[in-house]
Amino acid sequence: MDLPRSLSAGLAIWCTHVVAMIGFDAGVSVRVAPPQTIASLLIAVCCCTLGFTLAGAWRWRNAGAVGGGFAGLSITALH
């Protein structure tokens, strides 16, 4: 498991998402709910950790694709 890379990737994905949400003008008043925001951060970091672990630990042909898929799913999951 490569925790520093997983943590930095999860944080980068989450920060990009949150900055985009804050910058978006929905035309209505929008509030950020701290519990859901923290949960989305944890989801992004956990999914990236799982993806990087799968990609790096397994020694089979499609390990990188499966690990990359899980890392990509972190973007979907945090929504």
N, C-alpha and C. Protein backbone atom coordinates (compact mmCIF):
# COMPACT_ATOMS: atom_id res chain seq x y z
N MET A 1 0.85 -1.18 0.00
CA MET A 1 0.00 0.00 0.00
C MET A 1 0.89 1.24 0.00
N ASP A 2 0.56 2.17 -0.82
CA ASP A 2 1.34 3.40 -0.96
C ASP A 2 0.51 4.57 -0.44
N LEU A 3 0.51 4.74 0.87
CA LEU A 3 -0.38 5.72 1.50
C LEU A 3 -0.08 7.17 1.11
N PRO A 4 1.19 7.61 1.04
CA PRO A 4 1.40 9.03 0.67
C PRO A 4 0.84 9.37 -0.71
N ARG A 5 1.02 8.50 -1.69
CA ARG A 5 0.48 8.76 -3.03
C ARG A 5 -1.04 8.68 -3.03
N SER A 6 -1.57 7.72 -2.33
CA SER A 6 -3.04 7.58 -2.25
C SER A 6 -3.66 8.79 -1.58
N LEU A 7 -3.03 9.23 -0.51
CA LEU A 7 -3.55 10.39 0.21
C LEU A 7 -3.48 11.64 -0.66
N SER A 8 -2.35 11.84 -1.33
CA SER A 8 -2.24 13.04 -2.16
C SER A 8 -3.19 13.00 -3.35
N ALA A 9 -3.38 11.83 -3.95
CA ALA A 9 -4.32 11.71 -5.07
C ALA A 9 -5.75 11.95 -4.61
N GLY A 10 -6.14 11.33 -3.50
CA GLY A 10 -7.49 11.52 -2.97
C GLY A 10 -7.76 12.96 -2.59
N LEU A 11 -6.78 13.60 -1.96
CA LEU A 11 -6.94 15.00 -1.58
C LEU A 11 -7.02 15.90 -2.81
N ALA A 12 -6.21 15.62 -3.81
CA ALA A 12 -6.23 16.43 -5.04
C ALA A 12 -7.58 16.31 -5.75
N ILE A 13 -8.09 15.09 -5.85
CA ILE A 13 -9.40 14.88 -6.47
C ILE A 13 -10.48 15.62 -5.70
N TRP A 14 -10.45 15.49 -4.38
CA TRP A 14 -11.46 16.12 -3.54
C TRP A 14 -11.36 17.64 -3.60
N CYS A 15 -10.14 18.17 -3.51
CA CYS A 15 -9.96 19.63 -3.55
C CYS A 15 -10.43 20.21 -4.88
N THR A 16 -10.10 19.54 -5.97
CA THR A 16 -10.55 20.00 -7.28
C THR A 16 -12.07 20.06 -7.33
N HIS A 17 -12.71 19.03 -6.81
CA HIS A 17 -14.16 18.97 -6.81
C HIS A 17 -14.77 20.08 -5.95
N VAL A 18 -14.23 20.28 -4.75
CA VAL A 18 -14.78 21.27 -3.83
C VAL A 18 -14.58 22.69 -4.38
N VAL A 19 -13.40 22.98 -4.93
CA VAL A 19 -13.15 24.30 -5.50
C VAL A 19 -14.10 24.56 -6.67
N ALA A 20 -14.34 23.55 -7.49
CA ALA A 20 -15.27 23.71 -8.60
C ALA A 20 -16.69 23.95 -8.10
N MET A 21 -17.08 23.27 -7.03
CA MET A 21 -18.41 23.47 -6.46
C MET A 21 -18.56 24.87 -5.88
N ILE A 22 -17.53 25.35 -5.21
CA ILE A 22 -17.59 26.68 -4.61
C ILE A 22 -17.63 27.75 -5.70
N GLY A 23 -16.91 27.54 -6.78
CA GLY A 23 -16.86 28.50 -7.87
C GLY A 23 -18.08 28.49 -8.77
N PHE A 24 -18.89 27.46 -8.70
CA PHE A 24 -20.07 27.36 -9.55
C PHE A 24 -21.18 28.26 -9.02
N ASP A 25 -21.76 29.05 -9.89
CA ASP A 25 -22.88 29.92 -9.51
C ASP A 25 -24.18 29.24 -9.92
N ALA A 26 -24.86 28.67 -8.93
CA ALA A 26 -26.10 27.94 -9.20
C ALA A 26 -27.29 28.86 -9.33
N GLY A 27 -27.13 30.11 -8.98
CA GLY A 27 -28.24 31.05 -9.06
C GLY A 27 -29.14 31.02 -7.84
N VAL A 28 -28.83 30.14 -6.90
CA VAL A 28 -29.57 30.06 -5.64
C VAL A 28 -28.56 29.98 -4.50
N SER A 29 -29.03 30.18 -3.30
CA SER A 29 -28.16 30.08 -2.13
C SER A 29 -27.79 28.62 -1.89
N VAL A 30 -26.50 28.35 -1.77
CA VAL A 30 -26.02 26.98 -1.56
C VAL A 30 -25.17 26.96 -0.30
N ARG A 31 -25.40 25.96 0.53
CA ARG A 31 -24.60 25.77 1.75
C ARG A 31 -23.87 24.45 1.66
N VAL A 32 -22.71 24.39 2.27
CA VAL A 32 -21.93 23.17 2.31
C VAL A 32 -22.18 22.49 3.65
N ALA A 33 -22.55 21.22 3.62
CA ALA A 33 -22.81 20.45 4.84
C ALA A 33 -21.52 19.75 5.26
N PRO A 34 -20.95 20.09 6.41
CA PRO A 34 -19.68 19.50 6.82
C PRO A 34 -19.65 17.96 6.89
N PRO A 35 -20.67 17.28 7.43
CA PRO A 35 -20.58 15.81 7.47
C PRO A 35 -20.48 15.17 6.08
N GLN A 36 -21.28 15.65 5.14
CA GLN A 36 -21.23 15.10 3.78
C GLN A 36 -19.92 15.46 3.09
N THR A 37 -19.40 16.64 3.36
CA THR A 37 -18.15 17.06 2.76
C THR A 37 -16.99 16.21 3.26
N ILE A 38 -16.96 15.95 4.55
CA ILE A 38 -15.91 15.10 5.13
C ILE A 38 -16.06 13.67 4.63
N ALA A 39 -17.29 13.20 4.52
CA ALA A 39 -17.50 11.84 4.01
C ALA A 39 -17.00 11.72 2.57
N SER A 40 -17.21 12.74 1.75
CA SER A 40 -16.72 12.67 0.37
C SER A 40 -15.20 12.66 0.33
N LEU A 41 -14.56 13.37 1.26
CA LEU A 41 -13.10 13.34 1.35
C LEU A 41 -12.61 11.94 1.69
N LEU A 42 -13.23 11.31 2.67
CA LEU A 42 -12.84 9.96 3.07
C LEU A 42 -13.07 8.95 1.95
N ILE A 43 -14.15 9.11 1.23
CA ILE A 43 -14.44 8.21 0.10
C ILE A 43 -13.37 8.35 -0.97
N ALA A 44 -12.99 9.58 -1.30
CA ALA A 44 -11.97 9.79 -2.32
C ALA A 44 -10.64 9.18 -1.92
N VAL A 45 -10.23 9.40 -0.68
CA VAL A 45 -8.94 8.86 -0.22
C VAL A 45 -8.99 7.34 -0.14
N CYS A 46 -10.07 6.77 0.38
CA CYS A 46 -10.17 5.31 0.51
C CYS A 46 -10.21 4.61 -0.85
N CYS A 47 -10.95 5.16 -1.80
CA CYS A 47 -11.01 4.55 -3.13
C CYS A 47 -9.67 4.65 -3.85
N CYS A 48 -8.97 5.77 -3.69
CA CYS A 48 -7.64 5.89 -4.30
C CYS A 48 -6.67 4.91 -3.66
N THR A 49 -6.75 4.75 -2.34
CA THR A 49 -5.89 3.79 -1.65
C THR A 49 -6.15 2.37 -2.16
N LEU A 50 -7.41 2.01 -2.30
CA LEU A 50 -7.76 0.70 -2.82
C LEU A 50 -7.25 0.53 -4.25
N GLY A 51 -7.46 1.53 -5.08
CA GLY A 51 -7.01 1.45 -6.46
C GLY A 51 -5.51 1.33 -6.59
N PHE A 52 -4.77 2.13 -5.84
CA PHE A 52 -3.31 2.07 -5.90
C PHE A 52 -2.79 0.75 -5.34
N THR A 53 -3.45 0.25 -4.30
CA THR A 53 -3.05 -1.04 -3.72
C THR A 53 -3.27 -2.17 -4.73
N LEU A 54 -4.41 -2.17 -5.38
CA LEU A 54 -4.69 -3.20 -6.39
C LEU A 54 -3.70 -3.11 -7.55
N ALA A 55 -3.41 -1.91 -8.00
CA ALA A 55 -2.52 -1.74 -9.14
C ALA A 55 -1.09 -2.14 -8.81
N GLY A 56 -0.65 -1.90 -7.58
CA GLY A 56 0.74 -2.16 -7.23
C GLY A 56 1.01 -3.51 -6.61
N ALA A 57 0.03 -4.10 -5.97
CA ALA A 57 0.29 -5.32 -5.23
C ALA A 57 0.10 -6.58 -6.07
N TRP A 58 -0.79 -6.54 -7.00
CA TRP A 58 -1.07 -7.73 -7.80
C TRP A 58 -0.12 -7.81 -8.97
N ARG A 59 0.29 -9.00 -9.28
CA ARG A 59 1.22 -9.22 -10.39
C ARG A 59 0.52 -9.94 -11.54
N TRP A 60 -0.51 -9.33 -12.06
CA TRP A 60 -1.17 -9.91 -13.21
C TRP A 60 -1.41 -8.83 -14.24
N ARG A 61 -1.73 -9.24 -15.37
CA ARG A 61 -1.76 -8.39 -16.55
C ARG A 61 -2.65 -7.15 -16.44
N ASN A 62 -3.81 -7.29 -15.89
CA ASN A 62 -4.78 -6.20 -15.84
C ASN A 62 -4.83 -5.48 -14.49
N ALA A 63 -3.82 -5.66 -13.66
CA ALA A 63 -3.83 -5.04 -12.34
C ALA A 63 -3.88 -3.52 -12.43
N GLY A 64 -3.13 -2.95 -13.35
CA GLY A 64 -3.13 -1.49 -13.51
C GLY A 64 -4.48 -0.96 -13.94
N ALA A 65 -5.14 -1.67 -14.85
CA ALA A 65 -6.45 -1.24 -15.33
C ALA A 65 -7.50 -1.33 -14.21
N VAL A 66 -7.45 -2.40 -13.45
CA VAL A 66 -8.41 -2.56 -12.35
C VAL A 66 -8.15 -1.50 -11.27
N GLY A 67 -6.89 -1.31 -10.92
CA GLY A 67 -6.55 -0.29 -9.93
C GLY A 67 -6.92 1.11 -10.41
N GLY A 68 -6.65 1.40 -11.67
CA GLY A 68 -7.04 2.69 -12.24
C GLY A 68 -8.54 2.87 -12.27
N GLY A 69 -9.25 1.79 -12.50
CA GLY A 69 -10.71 1.85 -12.47
C GLY A 69 -11.23 2.22 -11.09
N PHE A 70 -10.65 1.63 -10.05
CA PHE A 70 -11.07 1.97 -8.70
C PHE A 70 -10.70 3.41 -8.35
N ALA A 71 -9.53 3.86 -8.78
CA ALA A 71 -9.17 5.25 -8.54
C ALA A 71 -10.12 6.18 -9.29
N GLY A 72 -10.51 5.81 -10.50
CA GLY A 72 -11.48 6.61 -11.25
C GLY A 72 -12.85 6.60 -10.62
N LEU A 73 -13.22 5.47 -10.04
CA LEU A 73 -14.52 5.39 -9.36
C LEU A 73 -14.59 6.30 -8.14
N SER A 74 -13.43 6.66 -7.60
CA SER A 74 -13.43 7.57 -6.45
C SER A 74 -14.06 8.90 -6.83
N ILE A 75 -13.86 9.34 -8.08
CA ILE A 75 -14.44 10.59 -8.53
C ILE A 75 -15.96 10.47 -8.57
N THR A 76 -16.45 9.35 -9.06
CA THR A 76 -17.89 9.12 -9.10
C THR A 76 -18.46 8.96 -7.69
N ALA A 77 -17.75 8.23 -6.85
CA ALA A 77 -18.25 7.93 -5.52
C ALA A 77 -18.34 9.17 -4.63
N LEU A 78 -17.44 10.13 -4.80
CA LEU A 78 -17.51 11.29 -3.91
C LEU A 78 -18.65 12.24 -4.29
N HIS A 79 -19.24 12.05 -5.45
CA HIS A 79 -20.40 12.86 -5.82
C HIS A 79 -21.62 12.36 -5.07
